[in-house]
Protein backbone atom coordinates (compact mmCIF):
# COMPACT_ATOMS: atom_id res chain seq x y z
CA MET A 1 -0.01 0.01 0.20
CA SER A 2 2.88 2.05 0.33
CA MET A 3 3.95 2.21 -3.09
CA LEU A 4 0.36 3.85 -3.33
CA MET A 5 0.65 6.46 -1.18
CA TRP A 6 1.96 9.30 -3.59
CA PRO A 7 -0.37 8.39 -6.41
CA LEU A 8 -3.31 8.68 -3.74
CA VAL A 9 -2.03 12.04 -2.80
CA LEU A 10 -1.33 13.52 -6.45
CA GLU A 11 -5.00 12.05 -7.28
CA GLY A 12 -6.44 13.91 -4.03
CA ALA A 13 -5.02 17.00 -4.88
CA LEU A 14 -6.27 17.04 -8.85
CA LEU A 15 -9.59 16.03 -7.26
CA VAL A 16 -9.08 19.28 -5.37
CA ALA A 17 -8.20 21.40 -8.29
CA LEU A 18 -10.57 20.08 -10.04
CA ILE A 19 -13.47 20.82 -7.86
CA ILE A 20 -12.12 24.40 -7.26
CA LEU A 21 -11.93 24.80 -11.19
CA LEU A 22 -15.33 23.54 -11.85
CA ILE A 23 -16.70 25.85 -9.00
CA TYR A 24 -14.88 28.85 -10.52
CA ARG A 25 -16.02 28.17 -13.73
CA SER A 26 -19.97 27.77 -12.61
CA THR A 27 -19.36 31.38 -10.85
CA LEU A 28 -18.40 32.57 -14.28
CA SER A 29 -21.05 31.43 -16.15
CA MET A 30 -23.91 32.28 -13.68
CA HIS A 31 -22.85 35.84 -14.55
CA GLU A 32 -22.81 35.21 -18.31
CA ASP A 33 -25.90 36.52 -19.93
CA ASP A 34 -27.82 34.71 -22.78
CA GLN A 35 -28.65 37.86 -24.39
CA LEU A 36 -26.77 41.21 -25.17
CA PHE A 37 -28.56 44.16 -26.52
CA LEU A 38 -26.13 46.19 -27.83
CA ASP A 39 -26.40 49.97 -27.92
CA GLU A 40 -24.36 53.01 -26.86
CA SER A 41 -25.54 52.66 -23.20
CA ALA A 42 -24.63 48.99 -23.46
CA SER A 43 -21.13 49.08 -24.68
CA ALA A 44 -19.91 48.69 -20.88
CA MET A 45 -22.04 45.61 -20.62
CA ALA A 46 -20.44 44.01 -23.86
CA GLN A 47 -17.10 44.94 -22.27
CA GLU A 48 -18.02 42.87 -19.28
CA GLN A 49 -19.14 40.05 -21.46
CA MET A 50 -16.07 40.06 -23.84
CA GLU A 51 -13.81 39.64 -20.24
CA LEU A 52 -16.21 36.95 -18.81
CA MET A 53 -16.25 34.98 -22.11
CA ALA A 54 -12.23 35.25 -22.27
CA LYS A 55 -12.16 33.87 -18.30
CA LEU A 56 -14.15 31.14 -19.45
CA ASN A 57 -12.25 30.18 -22.58
CA LYS A 58 -8.84 30.29 -20.42
CA VAL A 59 -10.63 27.97 -17.42
CA THR A 60 -12.87 25.20 -19.55
CA PRO A 61 -8.85 23.68 -21.21
CA MET A 62 -8.08 23.59 -17.70
CA VAL A 63 -10.83 21.57 -16.77
CA LYS A 64 -10.51 19.45 -19.48
CA TRP A 65 -6.85 18.57 -18.64
CA VAL A 66 -6.98 18.32 -14.93
CA GLY A 67 -10.08 16.19 -15.20
CA ALA A 68 -8.44 14.03 -18.00
CA ALA A 69 -5.15 13.84 -15.42
CA SER A 70 -7.28 12.52 -12.52
CA GLY A 71 -9.05 10.05 -14.51
CA VAL A 72 -5.97 8.59 -15.86
CA LEU A 73 -4.73 8.37 -12.48
CA GLY A 74 -7.56 7.20 -11.25
CA PHE A 75 -7.41 4.11 -13.79
CA VAL A 76 -3.69 3.68 -13.01
CA ILE A 77 -4.04 3.61 -9.31
CA VAL A 78 -7.01 0.69 -9.85
CA GLY A 79 -4.74 -1.05 -12.26
CA VAL A 80 -1.81 -1.09 -9.57
CA LEU A 81 -4.55 -2.47 -6.85
CA VAL A 82 -5.61 -5.38 -9.13
CA TYR A 83 -2.32 -6.52 -10.38
CA GLN A 84 -1.25 -5.99 -6.35
CA GLN A 85 -4.02 -8.59 -5.76
CA LEU A 86 -3.66 -10.83 -8.66
CA GLN A 87 0.24 -10.84 -7.22
CA GLN A 88 -1.22 -11.97 -3.84
CA VAL A 89 -3.44 -14.67 -5.18
CA GLN A 90 -0.76 -16.66 -7.03
């Protein structure tokens, strides 16, 4: 089990990072407007929406990469556990 200590710690850190990124992304998307009426008085709102979309576009790839890394590491941990159990049986 000590062989799996560091991968489990890393998996926990990845899951915490993923949860934080998902919460951050959801708070950003809550402020996103479905419709935006553009006229002279709404130019400040348009600028805010553009900044919000830029932030969302930065966060989304990070969510995908951290989620994928967490999933791959999870499969590796399960694979090592199965391998260890098979070695004990033989």
